[in-house]
Amino acid sequence: MLEPGGQAHVADKLVNIGHSLILIRFLGPIRETTDLNDDGAAEIRLITDTAALEAACERLGQDDFLAVDTEFHRETTYWPQVCLIQVASSDYDVLVDPLANGIDLAPLNTLIADPSRTKVFHAARQDLEIFTRLIGHVPGPVFDTQIAAMACGLGDSISYENLVSRVVKGSVDKSSQFTDWVRRPLTEKQLTYARGDVVYLRKIYKILRTKLETQNRLEWIADEHDALLDPDIYAFDPATAWKRMKIRKYRSDYLAVLANVSAWRERVAQETDKPRQRILKDDAIQEIAQQKPRTLEALERMRAVQQGFGKSRHGAGLLQAINEALDAPEKYAPVVDEPERSGPPPGAIVELLKVLLKQVSDDADVATRLIANAADIEKLARDKEPDIAALKGWRRELFGEKALKLKAGKLALAASPKGVKILDV
């Protein structure tokens, strides 16, 4: 086994990438170079066999966190095809090639699954989907730097490129982002781009976490992180596929067709490894649920259904799903509570609450969406004290109490040269 950082090599090669000088050492299963330091050199370790991966994971496992990123393709498949996995601890990082011949990802999966170690991602949802499928469960705990950025006053849904620029004054060359990550060998430019993602990510994590701890704001993002760990998000159960669809009616026959056709599409997409929309578009499912075609001829007359679909290899299966639902709607219709029709919220109150939310978030240096979203504001304007996150915990203390006082006429907003003043009445 070759230990990470070992000296054995076949040849050295100096390569200029942008403003960085990269020394490549060809090591067979590991490609190794010198570390990032003051002279601009950078280090790349490309893991291509199981023994090297075991050694790397032993080194990575010495830390209490891992910065993680992936490169994958999904444009033409249902399941993401993982092409590269980047992992970094405080002082060590590797690129793992999951497409390398014979490599077993078990050591890495065990490392990622360890509940004693925080996994750091940026915009974690898709990466967590990948690791949930690899490991068999959601690999918590997690720290999402996009979520943390909202509590640090860095805006709502900040891009990784902008986060790198604002937090560590670095730059990300995005020209390799949409390259062909399946093709081998990977280029030095691709490897440099991929390594940069986790090298910057570990620095950003330390800075944002320290800031949140100093300001006692880790609690502010706890529920956002808990939501990411909900296994239902990554289950892809055909029986619950209807939940991704917009509910337009509440009749049992409509709901039955919507649910059963959505389940049928999900099964076909998984079995053929094709994107859902390439099997049948959402608009087509909605039209089918409303029009309820019983025959292939009726199916062919539908505007949203692709011409010739009824005669295709999937046509009979789709028609069967429709008729099953129509024959026994009570069996296939999900239980969905129809929302109360309490009328639109008072427009002026909504606007006042939005102004208050904006000013409170500016004063606290936190993204507005972390406190309340548009639906919360409408419920708050319409109902006396609705069951929303903005009226619980730190959000209530920061914004919710002021919002209730504003509605009750006990708080006023006044324009000033420095913005909006919040005044007790």
Protein backbone atom coordinates (compact mmCIF):
# COMPACT_ATOMS: atom_id res chain seq x y z
CA MET A 1 0.00 0.00 0.00
CA LEU A 2 1.30 3.48 -0.87
CA GLU A 3 0.79 5.87 2.02
CA PRO A 4 -0.59 9.33 1.13
CA GLY A 5 2.33 11.70 0.89
CA GLY A 6 4.71 8.86 -0.05
CA GLN A 7 7.83 9.67 -2.05
CA ALA A 8 7.76 6.91 -4.68
CA HIS A 9 7.15 8.24 -8.18
CA VAL A 10 7.92 7.58 -11.80
CA ALA A 11 8.38 11.08 -13.15
CA ASP A 12 7.85 14.73 -12.28
CA LYS A 13 6.25 17.30 -14.54
CA LEU A 14 5.82 21.05 -14.09
CA VAL A 15 2.58 22.45 -15.48
CA ASN A 16 1.35 26.05 -15.52
CA ILE A 17 -2.37 26.35 -14.79
CA GLY A 18 -3.49 29.98 -14.74
CA HIS A 19 -1.34 31.71 -12.11
CA SER A 20 -0.44 28.46 -10.32
CA LEU A 21 2.57 26.22 -10.82
CA ILE A 22 1.61 22.56 -10.43
CA LEU A 23 4.18 19.83 -9.90
CA ILE A 24 2.69 16.51 -11.03
CA ARG A 25 4.17 13.30 -9.63
CA PHE A 26 2.93 10.17 -11.35
CA LEU A 27 2.39 7.48 -8.73
CA GLY A 28 0.24 4.90 -10.45
CA PRO A 29 -2.91 4.81 -8.33
CA ILE A 30 -2.22 8.25 -6.76
CA ARG A 31 -1.27 11.39 -8.64
CA GLU A 32 0.52 13.67 -6.20
CA THR A 33 2.06 17.14 -6.20
CA THR A 34 3.33 19.73 -3.73
CA ASP A 35 0.84 21.47 -1.43
CA LEU A 36 -0.66 24.93 -1.87
CA ASN A 37 1.84 27.36 -0.39
CA ASP A 38 3.27 30.84 -0.71
CA ASP A 39 5.02 30.21 -4.03
CA GLY A 40 1.70 29.39 -5.75
CA ALA A 41 2.23 25.64 -6.08
CA ALA A 42 -0.80 23.39 -5.67
CA GLU A 43 -1.27 19.74 -4.74
CA ILE A 44 -3.50 17.24 -6.47
CA ARG A 45 -3.97 13.64 -5.25
CA LEU A 46 -6.07 11.56 -7.59
CA ILE A 47 -7.16 8.26 -6.01
CA THR A 48 -7.77 5.44 -8.48
CA ASP A 49 -7.59 2.23 -6.44
CA THR A 50 -8.98 0.84 -3.18
CA ALA A 51 -5.68 0.53 -1.30
CA ALA A 52 -4.86 4.18 -1.91
CA LEU A 53 -8.40 5.14 -0.91
CA GLU A 54 -8.09 3.25 2.39
CA ALA A 55 -4.86 5.10 3.19
CA ALA A 56 -6.37 8.46 2.26
CA CYS A 57 -9.49 7.85 4.37
CA GLU A 58 -7.31 6.99 7.37
CA ARG A 59 -5.65 10.39 7.04
CA LEU A 60 -8.92 12.23 6.39
CA GLY A 61 -10.55 10.53 9.38
CA GLN A 62 -8.23 12.30 11.82
CA ASP A 63 -10.37 15.46 11.62
CA ASP A 64 -13.83 16.25 13.00
CA PHE A 65 -15.16 17.54 9.67
CA LEU A 66 -14.93 16.84 5.95
CA ALA A 67 -15.50 19.30 3.12
CA VAL A 68 -17.16 17.35 0.31
CA ASP A 69 -18.15 18.00 -3.29
CA THR A 70 -19.00 15.89 -6.32
CA GLU A 71 -18.96 16.15 -10.08
CA PHE A 72 -21.74 14.20 -11.77
CA HIS A 73 -23.81 13.91 -14.94
CA ARG A 74 -27.58 13.71 -14.92
CA GLU A 75 -28.84 15.36 -18.09
CA THR A 76 -29.86 12.07 -19.73
CA THR A 77 -30.37 9.79 -16.71
CA TYR A 78 -32.69 9.42 -13.73
CA TRP A 79 -29.91 8.49 -11.32
CA PRO A 80 -26.90 10.82 -11.15
CA GLN A 81 -23.71 9.30 -12.56
CA VAL A 82 -20.97 10.21 -10.09
CA CYS A 83 -17.78 11.05 -11.94
CA LEU A 84 -15.52 12.50 -9.23
CA ILE A 85 -15.67 12.91 -5.45
CA GLN A 86 -13.61 15.63 -3.75
CA VAL A 87 -12.93 15.38 -0.01
CA ALA A 88 -10.87 17.64 2.27
CA SER A 89 -10.04 17.80 5.97
CA SER A 90 -8.27 20.71 7.64
CA ASP A 91 -4.89 19.95 6.09
CA TYR A 92 -5.38 17.14 3.58
CA ASP A 93 -7.47 16.62 0.47
CA VAL A 94 -8.00 14.05 -2.27
CA LEU A 95 -9.92 13.54 -5.48
CA VAL A 96 -11.52 10.10 -5.72
CA ASP A 97 -12.26 8.63 -9.14
CA PRO A 98 -15.37 6.41 -8.73
CA LEU A 99 -15.09 5.36 -12.39
CA ALA A 100 -11.61 3.88 -11.94
CA ASN A 101 -11.48 0.19 -12.82
CA GLY A 102 -11.96 -2.02 -9.74
CA ILE A 103 -12.11 0.74 -7.13
CA ASP A 104 -14.29 -0.01 -4.07
CA LEU A 105 -15.77 3.11 -2.44
CA ALA A 106 -16.52 1.32 0.84
CA PRO A 107 -13.75 3.09 2.84
CA LEU A 108 -15.03 6.49 1.72
CA ASN A 109 -18.67 5.55 2.31
CA THR A 110 -17.80 4.49 5.87
CA LEU A 111 -16.01 7.78 6.46
CA ILE A 112 -18.89 9.88 5.11
CA ALA A 113 -21.47 7.85 7.06
CA ASP A 114 -19.74 8.42 10.41
CA PRO A 115 -22.22 10.43 12.55
CA SER A 116 -19.41 11.86 14.71
CA ARG A 117 -18.00 13.86 11.79
CA THR A 118 -19.60 16.97 10.24
CA LYS A 119 -19.93 16.87 6.44
CA VAL A 120 -19.58 20.30 4.84
CA PHE A 121 -21.27 21.04 1.51
CA HIS A 122 -22.35 24.07 -0.48
CA ALA A 123 -25.98 23.76 -1.61
CA ALA A 124 -26.00 20.23 -0.21
CA ARG A 125 -29.21 18.77 -1.63
CA GLN A 126 -27.86 17.03 -4.74
CA ASP A 127 -24.66 15.84 -3.06
CA LEU A 128 -26.69 14.40 -0.18
CA GLU A 129 -28.89 12.59 -2.68
CA ILE A 130 -25.79 10.96 -4.15
CA PHE A 131 -24.36 9.86 -0.80
CA THR A 132 -27.72 8.72 0.51
CA ARG A 133 -27.90 6.30 -2.41
CA LEU A 134 -24.27 5.20 -1.97
CA ILE A 135 -24.50 4.73 1.79
CA GLY A 136 -28.14 3.80 2.29
CA HIS A 137 -29.07 6.68 4.60
CA VAL A 138 -28.61 10.45 4.84
CA PRO A 139 -25.05 11.09 6.10
CA GLY A 140 -25.57 13.61 8.88
CA PRO A 141 -24.62 15.82 10.53
CA VAL A 142 -24.15 18.40 7.80
CA PHE A 143 -23.11 22.02 7.49
CA ASP A 144 -24.31 23.78 4.35
CA THR A 145 -22.30 26.92 3.63
CA GLN A 146 -25.13 28.36 1.51
CA ILE A 147 -27.46 28.12 4.50
CA ALA A 148 -24.80 29.44 6.88
CA ALA A 149 -24.22 32.39 4.56
CA MET A 150 -27.84 33.49 5.06
CA ALA A 151 -27.25 33.81 8.81
CA CYS A 152 -24.02 35.72 8.17
CA GLY A 153 -25.58 38.45 6.05
CA LEU A 154 -24.23 37.14 2.75
CA GLY A 155 -27.58 36.98 0.98
CA ASP A 156 -30.14 34.38 0.00
CA SER A 157 -28.93 31.37 -2.06
CA ILE A 158 -25.48 32.84 -2.70
CA SER A 159 -23.52 31.03 -5.39
CA TYR A 160 -20.32 29.21 -4.50
CA GLU A 161 -18.33 31.48 -6.80
CA ASN A 162 -19.59 34.61 -5.02
CA LEU A 163 -19.09 33.04 -1.59
CA VAL A 164 -15.45 32.28 -2.39
CA SER A 165 -14.94 35.83 -3.60
CA ARG A 166 -16.57 37.48 -0.58
CA VAL A 167 -15.31 35.25 2.24
CA VAL A 168 -11.77 34.24 1.24
CA LYS A 169 -11.13 36.74 -1.59
CA GLY A 170 -10.50 33.87 -3.99
CA SER A 171 -11.70 33.16 -7.50
CA VAL A 172 -13.20 30.08 -9.11
CA ASP A 173 -12.58 29.28 -12.76
CA LYS A 174 -16.01 27.95 -13.78
CA SER A 175 -14.95 27.03 -17.32
CA SER A 176 -14.53 23.37 -16.28
CA GLN A 177 -17.86 23.12 -14.47
CA PHE A 178 -19.82 21.75 -17.42
CA THR A 179 -17.07 19.76 -19.10
CA ASP A 180 -17.36 16.03 -19.77
CA TRP A 181 -16.53 14.50 -16.39
CA VAL A 182 -17.11 10.98 -17.73
CA ARG A 183 -14.25 11.13 -20.25
CA ARG A 184 -10.91 9.73 -19.07
CA PRO A 185 -8.25 10.80 -18.47
CA LEU A 186 -9.41 13.96 -16.69
CA THR A 187 -7.42 17.05 -17.65
CA GLU A 188 -5.18 18.95 -15.25
CA LYS A 189 -7.54 21.91 -15.61
CA GLN A 190 -10.50 19.77 -14.51
CA LEU A 191 -8.56 18.37 -11.55
CA THR A 192 -7.41 21.82 -10.47
CA TYR A 193 -10.96 23.16 -10.66
CA ALA A 194 -12.33 20.17 -8.72
CA ARG A 195 -9.72 20.42 -5.97
CA GLY A 196 -10.33 24.15 -5.62
CA ASP A 197 -13.94 23.48 -4.68
CA VAL A 198 -13.09 21.65 -1.46
CA VAL A 199 -9.92 23.60 -0.62
CA TYR A 200 -11.93 26.82 -0.57
CA LEU A 201 -14.88 25.08 1.06
CA ARG A 202 -12.91 24.03 4.15
CA LYS A 203 -11.66 27.59 4.61
CA ILE A 204 -15.14 29.03 4.22
CA TYR A 205 -16.54 26.50 6.70
CA LYS A 206 -14.08 27.52 9.40
CA ILE A 207 -14.73 31.23 8.88
CA LEU A 208 -18.53 30.98 8.78
CA ARG A 209 -18.75 28.56 11.69
CA THR A 210 -16.52 30.76 13.84
CA LYS A 211 -18.66 33.79 13.01
CA LEU A 212 -21.90 31.95 13.82
CA GLU A 213 -20.48 30.64 17.10
CA THR A 214 -19.26 34.12 18.07
CA GLN A 215 -22.71 35.60 17.35
CA ASN A 216 -24.56 32.65 18.95
CA ARG A 217 -26.30 31.97 15.64
CA LEU A 218 -25.65 28.27 15.06
CA GLU A 219 -29.18 27.67 16.38
CA TRP A 220 -30.51 29.93 13.64
CA ILE A 221 -29.60 27.40 10.95
CA ALA A 222 -30.24 24.20 12.91
CA ASP A 223 -33.75 23.62 11.55
CA GLU A 224 -32.59 24.28 7.98
CA HIS A 225 -29.94 21.59 8.39
CA ASP A 226 -32.43 19.23 10.03
CA ALA A 227 -34.69 19.63 7.00
CA LEU A 228 -31.82 18.51 4.74
CA LEU A 229 -31.56 15.28 6.73
CA ASP A 230 -35.19 14.28 6.12
CA PRO A 231 -34.94 10.85 4.46
CA ASP A 232 -38.21 11.38 2.58
CA ILE A 233 -36.46 13.97 0.39
CA TYR A 234 -34.17 11.31 -1.04
CA ALA A 235 -36.51 8.29 -0.96
CA PHE A 236 -37.82 8.56 -4.56
CA ASP A 237 -40.68 6.24 -3.68
CA PRO A 238 -43.08 6.01 -6.67
CA ALA A 239 -45.98 5.96 -4.19
CA THR A 240 -45.15 9.52 -3.10
CA ALA A 241 -44.18 10.90 -6.52
CA TRP A 242 -47.48 12.82 -6.68
CA LYS A 243 -46.20 15.14 -3.93
CA ARG A 244 -43.97 16.84 -6.51
CA MET A 245 -47.04 17.78 -8.54
CA LYS A 246 -49.18 20.86 -8.08
CA ILE A 247 -52.66 19.97 -6.78
CA ARG A 248 -55.25 21.76 -8.91
CA LYS A 249 -58.40 19.92 -7.84
CA TYR A 250 -59.49 17.90 -4.84
CA ARG A 251 -61.93 15.42 -6.44
CA SER A 252 -61.03 11.81 -5.73
CA ASP A 253 -60.92 10.79 -9.41
CA TYR A 254 -58.52 13.64 -10.26
CA LEU A 255 -56.26 12.84 -7.29
CA ALA A 256 -56.33 9.10 -8.05
CA VAL A 257 -55.21 9.57 -11.66
CA LEU A 258 -52.62 12.18 -10.71
CA ALA A 259 -51.11 9.89 -8.07
CA ASN A 260 -51.19 6.64 -10.03
CA VAL A 261 -49.83 8.12 -13.27
CA SER A 262 -47.09 9.92 -11.29
CA ALA A 263 -46.18 6.60 -9.66
CA TRP A 264 -46.18 4.85 -13.05
CA ARG A 265 -43.87 7.52 -14.53
CA GLU A 266 -41.50 7.26 -11.55
CA ARG A 267 -41.21 3.50 -11.90
CA VAL A 268 -40.55 3.70 -15.64
CA ALA A 269 -37.97 6.48 -15.14
CA GLN A 270 -36.13 4.44 -12.52
CA GLU A 271 -36.26 1.19 -14.52
CA THR A 272 -35.03 2.83 -17.74
CA ASP A 273 -32.73 5.33 -15.97
CA LYS A 274 -34.27 8.23 -17.89
CA PRO A 275 -35.29 11.68 -16.59
CA ARG A 276 -38.96 11.90 -15.55
CA GLN A 277 -39.75 14.61 -18.08
CA ARG A 278 -38.45 12.42 -20.92
CA ILE A 279 -40.95 9.74 -19.98
CA LEU A 280 -43.96 12.06 -19.60
CA LYS A 281 -44.05 15.79 -18.88
CA ASP A 282 -45.75 17.24 -15.81
CA ASP A 283 -48.22 19.15 -18.01
CA ALA A 284 -49.26 15.88 -19.64
CA ILE A 285 -49.95 14.27 -16.26
CA GLN A 286 -52.06 17.25 -15.25
CA GLU A 287 -54.07 17.11 -18.50
CA ILE A 288 -54.57 13.36 -18.14
CA ALA A 289 -55.77 13.76 -14.53
CA GLN A 290 -58.30 16.39 -15.61
CA GLN A 291 -59.48 14.83 -18.90
CA LYS A 292 -59.34 11.15 -17.78
CA PRO A 293 -58.83 9.41 -21.15
CA ARG A 294 -59.94 5.78 -21.14
CA THR A 295 -58.61 4.69 -24.54
CA LEU A 296 -55.43 5.01 -26.56
CA GLU A 297 -57.37 7.08 -29.10
CA ALA A 298 -58.44 9.56 -26.41
CA LEU A 299 -54.87 9.67 -25.10
CA GLU A 300 -53.56 10.51 -28.57
CA ARG A 301 -55.92 13.51 -28.80
CA MET A 302 -54.43 15.20 -25.74
CA ARG A 303 -52.39 18.32 -26.46
CA ALA A 304 -49.74 17.84 -23.76
CA VAL A 305 -49.09 14.16 -24.54
CA GLN A 306 -46.35 13.61 -27.09
CA GLN A 307 -47.76 12.59 -30.47
CA GLY A 308 -47.58 8.84 -30.97
CA PHE A 309 -47.09 8.14 -27.26
CA GLY A 310 -50.17 5.92 -27.09
CA LYS A 311 -48.65 3.59 -29.68
CA SER A 312 -45.21 3.57 -28.07
CA ARG A 313 -43.89 0.84 -25.77
CA HIS A 314 -45.07 2.83 -22.74
CA GLY A 315 -48.55 3.64 -24.04
CA ALA A 316 -50.28 0.50 -22.74
CA GLY A 317 -48.73 0.87 -19.29
CA LEU A 318 -49.84 4.48 -19.02
CA LEU A 319 -53.39 3.62 -20.08
CA GLN A 320 -53.50 0.82 -17.52
CA ALA A 321 -52.42 3.22 -14.76
CA ILE A 322 -55.18 5.66 -15.78
CA ASN A 323 -57.92 3.02 -15.84
CA GLU A 324 -56.80 1.46 -12.56
CA ALA A 325 -57.21 4.82 -10.87
CA LEU A 326 -60.58 5.57 -12.48
CA ASP A 327 -61.95 2.12 -11.64
CA ALA A 328 -61.03 2.43 -7.94
CA PRO A 329 -60.39 6.09 -7.05
CA GLU A 330 -60.84 5.39 -3.34
CA LYS A 331 -57.85 3.02 -3.53
CA TYR A 332 -55.47 5.30 -5.39
CA ALA A 333 -56.46 8.84 -4.32
CA PRO A 334 -54.10 10.23 -1.66
CA VAL A 335 -55.54 12.02 1.34
CA VAL A 336 -55.02 15.72 0.72
CA ASP A 337 -56.49 18.44 2.90
CA GLU A 338 -58.05 21.17 0.83
CA PRO A 339 -56.75 24.56 1.98
CA GLU A 340 -59.16 26.89 3.70
CA ARG A 341 -60.54 29.57 1.43
CA SER A 342 -60.21 32.55 3.70
CA GLY A 343 -59.68 35.07 0.94
CA PRO A 344 -56.58 37.03 -0.01
CA PRO A 345 -54.60 38.72 2.77
CA PRO A 346 -54.91 42.49 3.16
CA GLY A 347 -52.50 43.87 0.60
CA ALA A 348 -51.42 46.91 2.62
CA ILE A 349 -50.62 44.77 5.68
CA VAL A 350 -48.57 42.40 3.53
CA GLU A 351 -46.51 45.29 2.20
CA LEU A 352 -45.96 46.72 5.69
CA LEU A 353 -44.83 43.33 6.97
CA LYS A 354 -42.42 43.00 4.03
CA VAL A 355 -40.89 46.39 4.87
CA LEU A 356 -40.57 45.39 8.52
CA LEU A 357 -38.97 42.05 7.56
CA LYS A 358 -36.48 43.77 5.26
CA GLN A 359 -35.48 46.28 7.92
CA VAL A 360 -35.20 43.68 10.68
CA SER A 361 -33.08 41.42 8.46
CA ASP A 362 -30.84 44.34 7.47
CA ASP A 363 -30.37 45.33 11.11
CA ALA A 364 -29.51 41.75 12.08
CA ASP A 365 -27.41 41.17 8.94
CA VAL A 366 -29.32 38.02 7.98
CA ALA A 367 -31.13 36.96 4.78
CA THR A 368 -34.89 37.62 4.87
CA ARG A 369 -35.73 34.10 3.67
CA LEU A 370 -34.10 32.60 6.75
CA ILE A 371 -36.66 34.47 8.88
CA ALA A 372 -39.84 34.24 6.79
CA ASN A 373 -40.90 33.49 3.22
CA ALA A 374 -43.70 35.01 1.14
CA ALA A 375 -46.25 32.40 2.27
CA ASP A 376 -45.43 33.13 5.93
CA ILE A 377 -45.97 36.85 5.39
CA GLU A 378 -49.37 36.26 3.76
CA LYS A 379 -50.51 33.97 6.57
CA LEU A 380 -49.26 36.46 9.13
CA ALA A 381 -51.21 39.28 7.44
CA ARG A 382 -54.41 37.22 7.19
CA ASP A 383 -54.53 35.19 10.42
CA LYS A 384 -54.35 36.25 14.05
CA GLU A 385 -51.37 34.08 15.03
CA PRO A 386 -50.70 31.41 12.38
CA ASP A 387 -48.58 28.30 12.90
CA ILE A 388 -45.46 29.46 11.05
CA ALA A 389 -41.73 29.33 11.78
CA ALA A 390 -41.56 33.14 11.93
CA LEU A 391 -43.54 33.03 15.19
CA LYS A 392 -41.30 30.45 16.87
CA GLY A 393 -37.92 30.51 18.60
CA TRP A 394 -35.33 33.06 17.56
CA ARG A 395 -37.41 34.15 14.57
CA ARG A 396 -40.26 35.24 16.84
CA GLU A 397 -37.84 37.15 19.05
CA LEU A 398 -36.18 38.85 16.09
CA PHE A 399 -39.21 39.50 13.85
CA GLY A 400 -42.43 37.75 14.89
CA GLU A 401 -43.19 39.82 17.98
CA LYS A 402 -42.62 43.05 16.05
CA ALA A 403 -44.88 41.79 13.25
CA LEU A 404 -47.72 41.07 15.70
CA LYS A 405 -47.29 44.50 17.29
CA LEU A 406 -47.35 46.12 13.84
CA LYS A 407 -50.64 44.38 13.05
CA ALA A 408 -52.06 45.47 16.39
CA GLY A 409 -51.14 49.11 15.82
CA LYS A 410 -48.54 49.07 18.60
CA LEU A 411 -45.56 49.56 16.31
CA ALA A 412 -44.97 52.02 13.49
CA LEU A 413 -42.57 52.32 10.56
CA ALA A 414 -41.14 55.71 9.68
CA ALA A 415 -38.89 56.78 6.83
CA SER A 416 -35.58 58.39 7.70
CA PRO A 417 -32.45 59.43 5.80
CA LYS A 418 -30.79 56.24 7.05
CA GLY A 419 -33.62 53.89 6.09
CA VAL A 420 -36.72 52.75 7.98
CA LYS A 421 -37.12 53.39 11.70
CA ILE A 422 -39.12 50.96 13.82
CA LEU A 423 -40.99 52.87 16.51
CA ASP A 424 -43.13 51.72 19.43
CA VAL A 425 -46.53 53.44 19.51
